[in-house]
C-alpha atoms as a PDB file:
ATOM      1  CA  GLU A   1      93.306  31.895 -37.961  1.00  0.00           C
ATOM      2  CA  LEU A   2      96.940  31.983 -38.891  1.00  0.00           C
ATOM      3  CA  GLN A   3      98.290  34.720 -36.489  1.00  0.00           C
ATOM      4  CA  GLN A   4     102.028  35.514 -36.753  1.00  0.00           C
ATOM      5  CA  PRO A   5     103.564  32.696 -34.473  1.00  0.00           C
ATOM      6  CA  GLN A   6     101.358  30.118 -36.354  1.00  0.00           C
ATOM      7  CA  LEU A   7     102.319  31.262 -39.765  1.00  0.00           C
ATOM      8  CA  ASN A   8     105.673  29.458 -39.171  1.00  0.00           C
ATOM      9  CA  TYR A   9     103.684  26.146 -39.244  1.00  0.00           C
ATOM     10  CA  ALA A  10     101.908  26.970 -42.645  1.00  0.00           C
ATOM     11  CA  PRO A  11     104.446  25.100 -44.933  1.00  0.00           C
ATOM     12  CA  PHE A  12     103.642  21.902 -42.843  1.00  0.00           C
ATOM     13  CA  PHE A  13      99.895  22.108 -43.460  1.00  0.00           C
ATOM     14  CA  ASP A  14     100.539  21.882 -47.227  1.00  0.00           C
ATOM     15  CA  LYS A  15     102.298  18.691 -46.995  1.00  0.00           C
ATOM     16  CA  PRO A  16     101.345  14.970 -45.986  1.00  0.00           C
ATOM     17  CA  LYS A  17     101.035  14.822 -42.421  1.00  0.00           C
ATOM     18  CA  ILE A  18      99.238  12.656 -39.694  1.00  0.00           C
ATOM     19  CA  VAL A  19      96.322  14.363 -38.067  1.00  0.00           C
ATOM     20  CA  LEU A  20      94.370  13.764 -34.920  1.00  0.00           C
ATOM     21  CA  PRO A  21      91.829  15.322 -32.866  1.00  0.00           C
ATOM     22  CA  ASP A  22      92.641  16.869 -29.420  1.00  0.00           C
ATOM     23  CA  ILE A  23      89.782  14.852 -27.662  1.00  0.00           C
ATOM     24  CA  ALA A  24      88.458  11.269 -28.935  1.00  0.00           C
ATOM     25  CA  THR A  25      87.219   8.054 -27.371  1.00  0.00           C
ATOM     26  CA  GLU A  26      89.873   6.058 -29.167  1.00  0.00           C
ATOM     27  CA  PRO A  27      92.816   6.897 -31.319  1.00  0.00           C
ATOM     28  CA  ARG A  28      91.759   8.483 -34.468  1.00  0.00           C
ATOM     29  CA  PHE A  29      94.948   9.337 -36.323  1.00  0.00           C
ATOM     30  CA  ALA A  30      94.421   9.910 -39.870  1.00  0.00           C
ATOM     31  CA  LEU A  31      96.731  10.738 -42.932  1.00  0.00           C
ATOM     32  CA  ASP A  32      96.112  14.025 -44.638  1.00  0.00           C
ATOM     33  CA  GLU A  33      97.681  14.033 -48.167  1.00  0.00           C
ATOM     34  CA  VAL A  34      95.658  16.942 -49.497  1.00  0.00           C
ATOM     35  CA  GLY A  35      97.014  19.615 -47.328  1.00  0.00           C
ATOM     36  CA  TYR A  36      94.005  20.688 -45.113  1.00  0.00           C
ATOM     37  CA  TYR A  37      94.362  23.218 -42.470  1.00  0.00           C
ATOM     38  CA  GLY A  38      92.911  22.046 -39.139  1.00  0.00           C
ATOM     39  CA  ALA A  39      90.741  23.953 -36.586  1.00  0.00           C
ATOM     40  CA  THR A  40      91.719  24.802 -33.126  1.00  0.00           C
ATOM     41  CA  THR A  41      91.038  21.206 -31.902  1.00  0.00           C
ATOM     42  CA  ILE A  42      93.105  19.365 -34.379  1.00  0.00           C
ATOM     43  CA  PHE A  43      96.925  18.473 -34.092  1.00  0.00           C
ATOM     44  CA  PHE A  44      99.348  16.958 -36.591  1.00  0.00           C
ATOM     45  CA  ILE A  45     102.619  15.095 -36.902  1.00  0.00           C
ATOM     46  CA  PRO A  46     104.178  16.576 -40.040  1.00  0.00           C
ATOM     47  CA  LEU A  47     105.129  13.268 -41.400  1.00  0.00           C
ATOM     48  CA  ARG A  48     103.739  10.838 -44.067  1.00  0.00           C
ATOM     49  CA  ASP A  49     104.706   7.716 -41.906  1.00  0.00           C
ATOM     50  CA  LEU A  50     102.533   4.723 -42.564  1.00  0.00           C
ATOM     51  CA  TYR A  51     104.285   2.601 -40.155  1.00  0.00           C
ATOM     52  CA  LEU A  52     103.958   5.337 -37.293  1.00  0.00           C
ATOM     53  CA  LEU A  53     100.166   5.656 -38.316  1.00  0.00           C
ATOM     54  CA  GLY A  54      99.771   1.794 -37.886  1.00  0.00           C
ATOM     55  CA  LEU A  55     101.333   1.682 -34.500  1.00  0.00           C
ATOM     56  CA  LEU A  56      99.315   4.749 -33.196  1.00  0.00           C
ATOM     57  CA  ASN A  57      95.998   3.327 -34.392  1.00  0.00           C
ATOM     58  CA  SER A  58      96.438  -0.075 -33.022  1.00  0.00           C
ATOM     59  CA  LYS A  59      94.931  -1.834 -30.057  1.00  0.00           C
ATOM     60  CA  LEU A  60      98.161  -1.684 -28.294  1.00  0.00           C
ATOM     61  CA  GLY A  61      98.352   1.828 -29.059  1.00  0.00           C
ATOM     62  CA  PHE A  62      94.873   2.331 -27.763  1.00  0.00           C
ATOM     63  CA  MET A  63      95.787   0.590 -24.344  1.00  0.00           C
ATOM     64  CA  TYR A  64      98.970   2.796 -24.134  1.00  0.00           C
ATOM     65  CA  PHE A  65      96.882   5.966 -24.538  1.00  0.00           C
ATOM     66  CA  LYS A  66      94.219   4.933 -22.215  1.00  0.00           C
ATOM     67  CA  HIS A  67      96.875   4.514 -19.542  1.00  0.00           C
ATOM     68  CA  THR A  68      98.670   7.661 -20.274  1.00  0.00           C
ATOM     69  CA  CYS A  69      96.306  10.334 -21.552  1.00  0.00           C
ATOM     70  CA  ALA A  70      94.286  12.598 -19.431  1.00  0.00           C
ATOM     71  CA  ALA A  71      90.672  11.638 -19.634  1.00  0.00           C
ATOM     72  CA  LEU A  72      87.378  13.419 -19.426  1.00  0.00           C
ATOM     73  CA  GLU A  73      84.412  11.499 -18.374  1.00  0.00           C
ATOM     74  CA  GLY A  74      81.330  11.943 -20.473  1.00  0.00           C
ATOM     75  CA  LYS A  75      77.691  10.407 -19.967  1.00  0.00           C
ATOM     76  CA  ASN A  76      78.724   6.952 -21.330  1.00  0.00           C
ATOM     77  CA  ASP A  77      82.316   7.284 -22.569  1.00  0.00           C
ATOM     78  CA  ILE A  78      85.748   8.305 -21.563  1.00  0.00           C
ATOM     79  CA  TYR A  79      87.290  11.021 -23.853  1.00  0.00           C
ATOM     80  CA  LEU A  80      91.121  10.975 -24.132  1.00  0.00           C
ATOM     81  CA  ARG A  81      93.149  14.134 -24.359  1.00  0.00           C
ATOM     82  CA  PHE A  82      95.827  13.658 -27.324  1.00  0.00           C
ATOM     83  CA  LYS A  83      98.114  16.354 -26.184  1.00  0.00           C
ATOM     84  CA  ARG A  84     101.850  16.463 -27.132  1.00  0.00           C
ATOM     85  CA  GLN A  85     103.098  15.441 -23.690  1.00  0.00           C
ATOM     86  CA  TYR A  86     101.240  12.198 -24.085  1.00  0.00           C
ATOM     87  CA  LEU A  87     102.298  11.620 -27.531  1.00  0.00           C
ATOM     88  CA  GLN A  88     106.118  12.222 -26.978  1.00  0.00           C
ATOM     89  CA  GLY A  89     106.300   9.148 -24.782  1.00  0.00           C
ATOM     90  CA  PHE A  90     104.512   6.828 -27.182  1.00  0.00           C
ATOM     91  CA  PRO A  91     107.103   3.844 -27.525  1.00  0.00           C
ATOM     92  CA  VAL A  92     107.654   3.635 -31.259  1.00  0.00           C
ATOM     93  CA  HIS A  93     109.279   0.341 -32.055  1.00  0.00           C
ATOM     94  CA  PRO A  94     112.613   1.241 -33.754  1.00  0.00           C
ATOM     95  CA  ILE A  95     113.300  -0.401 -37.233  1.00  0.00           C
ATOM     96  CA  ASN A  96     116.838  -1.448 -38.137  1.00  0.00           C
ATOM     97  CA  PHE A  97     116.750  -1.218 -41.956  1.00  0.00           C
ATOM     98  CA  ASN A  98     119.884  -3.301 -42.191  1.00  0.00           C
ATOM     99  CA  ASP A  99     117.960  -6.309 -40.563  1.00  0.00           C
ATOM    100  CA  PRO A 100     115.922  -7.768 -43.272  1.00  0.00           C
ATOM    101  CA  ALA A 101     113.326  -9.169 -40.811  1.00  0.00           C
ATOM    102  CA  ASP A 102     112.973  -5.546 -39.270  1.00  0.00           C
ATOM    103  CA  LYS A 103     112.570  -4.008 -42.845  1.00  0.00           C
ATOM    104  CA  ALA A 104     109.948  -6.659 -43.812  1.00  0.00           C
ATOM    105  CA  HIS A 105     107.877  -5.557 -40.805  1.00  0.00           C
ATOM    106  CA  HIS A 106     108.060  -2.042 -41.656  1.00  0.00           C
ATOM    107  CA  ASP A 107     107.284  -2.769 -45.260  1.00  0.00           C
ATOM    108  CA  LYS A 108     104.439  -5.004 -44.233  1.00  0.00           C
ATOM    109  CA  MET A 109     103.020  -2.397 -41.958  1.00  0.00           C
ATOM    110  CA  GLY A 110     103.115   0.200 -44.625  1.00  0.00           C
ATOM    111  CA  SER A 111     101.316  -2.048 -47.136  1.00  0.00           C
ATOM    112  CA  LEU A 112      98.627  -2.892 -44.518  1.00  0.00           C
ATOM    113  CA  VAL A 113      97.942   0.640 -43.674  1.00  0.00           C
ATOM    114  CA  GLU A 114      97.864   1.635 -47.335  1.00  0.00           C
ATOM    115  CA  ARG A 115      95.208  -1.145 -47.775  1.00  0.00           C
ATOM    116  CA  MET A 116      93.256   0.193 -44.885  1.00  0.00           C
ATOM    117  CA  LEU A 117      93.292   3.684 -46.248  1.00  0.00           C
ATOM    118  CA  ALA A 118      92.068   2.409 -49.574  1.00  0.00           C
ATOM    119  CA  LEU A 119      89.215   0.312 -47.935  1.00  0.00           C
ATOM    120  CA  HIS A 120      88.098   3.325 -46.096  1.00  0.00           C
ATOM    121  CA  LYS A 121      87.880   5.360 -49.200  1.00  0.00           C
ATOM    122  CA  SER A 122      86.021   2.543 -50.929  1.00  0.00           C
ATOM    123  CA  LEU A 123      83.725   2.356 -48.018  1.00  0.00           C
ATOM    124  CA  SER A 124      82.677   5.931 -48.205  1.00  0.00           C
ATOM    125  CA  ALA A 125      81.970   5.522 -51.891  1.00  0.00           C
ATOM    126  CA  ALA A 126      80.126   2.152 -51.578  1.00  0.00           C
ATOM    127  CA  HIS A 127      76.615   2.295 -52.705  1.00  0.00           C
ATOM    128  CA  THR A 128      75.072  -0.896 -51.715  1.00  0.00           C
ATOM    129  CA  PRO A 129      74.545  -2.508 -48.256  1.00  0.00           C
ATOM    130  CA  SER A 130      76.278  -5.746 -49.391  1.00  0.00           C
ATOM    131  CA  GLU A 131      79.143  -3.716 -50.668  1.00  0.00           C
ATOM    132  CA  GLN A 132      79.400  -1.764 -47.515  1.00  0.00           C
ATOM    133  CA  ASP A 133      79.186  -5.118 -45.370  1.00  0.00           C
ATOM    134  CA  ARG A 134      81.828  -6.597 -47.424  1.00  0.00           C
ATOM    135  CA  LEU A 135      84.185  -3.542 -47.192  1.00  0.00           C
ATOM    136  CA  LYS A 136      83.626  -3.369 -43.292  1.00  0.00           C
ATOM    137  CA  ARG A 137      84.525  -7.096 -43.044  1.00  0.00           C
ATOM    138  CA  GLU A 138      87.726  -6.501 -45.116  1.00  0.00           C
ATOM    139  CA  ILE A 139      88.510  -3.335 -42.780  1.00  0.00           C
ATOM    140  CA  GLU A 140      88.065  -5.492 -39.659  1.00  0.00           C
ATOM    141  CA  SER A 141      90.251  -8.216 -41.110  1.00  0.00           C
ATOM    142  CA  THR A 142      93.064  -5.759 -42.096  1.00  0.00           C
ATOM    143  CA  ASP A 143      92.728  -4.066 -38.542  1.00  0.00           C
ATOM    144  CA  GLY A 144      93.439  -7.637 -37.084  1.00  0.00           C
ATOM    145  CA  GLN A 145      96.391  -8.050 -39.320  1.00  0.00           C
ATOM    146  CA  ILE A 146      97.803  -4.697 -38.305  1.00  0.00           C
ATOM    147  CA  ASP A 147      97.299  -5.552 -34.527  1.00  0.00           C
ATOM    148  CA  ARG A 148      99.017  -9.104 -35.010  1.00  0.00           C
ATOM    149  CA  LEU A 149     102.008  -7.346 -36.693  1.00  0.00           C
ATOM    150  CA  VAL A 150     102.212  -4.792 -33.896  1.00  0.00           C
ATOM    151  CA  TYR A 151     102.075  -7.535 -31.205  1.00  0.00           C
ATOM    152  CA  ALA A 152     104.912  -9.275 -33.143  1.00  0.00           C
ATOM    153  CA  LEU A 153     107.017  -6.041 -33.235  1.00  0.00           C
ATOM    154  CA  TYR A 154     106.816  -5.544 -29.598  1.00  0.00           C
ATOM    155  CA  GLY A 155     107.333  -9.218 -28.694  1.00  0.00           C
ATOM    156  CA  LEU A 156     104.035  -9.844 -26.798  1.00  0.00           C
ATOM    157  CA  ASN A 157     102.974 -13.322 -25.795  1.00  0.00           C
ATOM    158  CA  GLU A 158      99.664 -14.791 -25.774  1.00  0.00           C
ATOM    159  CA  GLU A 159      98.750 -13.726 -22.130  1.00  0.00           C
ATOM    160  CA  GLU A 160      99.787 -10.021 -23.050  1.00  0.00           C
ATOM    161  CA  ILE A 161      97.635 -10.222 -26.234  1.00  0.00           C
ATOM    162  CA  LYS A 162      94.653 -11.321 -24.219  1.00  0.00           C
ATOM    163  CA  ILE A 163      95.128  -8.185 -21.818  1.00  0.00           C
ATOM    164  CA  VAL A 164      95.269  -5.834 -24.881  1.00  0.00           C
ATOM    165  CA  GLU A 165      92.374  -7.445 -26.474  1.00  0.00           C
ATOM    166  CA  LYS A 166      90.042  -7.008 -23.476  1.00  0.00           C
ATOM    167  CA  ARG A 167      90.741  -3.267 -23.240  1.00  0.00           C
END
């Protein structure tokens, strides 16, 4: 339903963007490169930013959202509200592109997130249980690499990492 005020946002829907649900049990940020129009319970960030996508979906990101977002209690789960006011304060680690180490971290995040996107696409097309299992293990490994990179970016020590990993 694109009523007049919302029509101003139409050009953003046609471009790549990070999409997210209003309510979820964990961060479920996804990249839309097709140009989908979301329903009323979908929000988006009008960027194709793989670095940001990796940060938002990381375990550290999840910890941030668990402590920041309003929550709804379900029977067995807590549902987080991913509203703008909670996303605005997300502490994105700034990258100094003149610093080779910072640029390398940024580029590594981008390549890991690209790999994660490709793995999920392959998983949805996998035909055999053994192929699905192999892809799930690769997804888990890549997810761990992203988390370790995020911990390094934010300078977490081993004790802090254990706290994040406990969730």
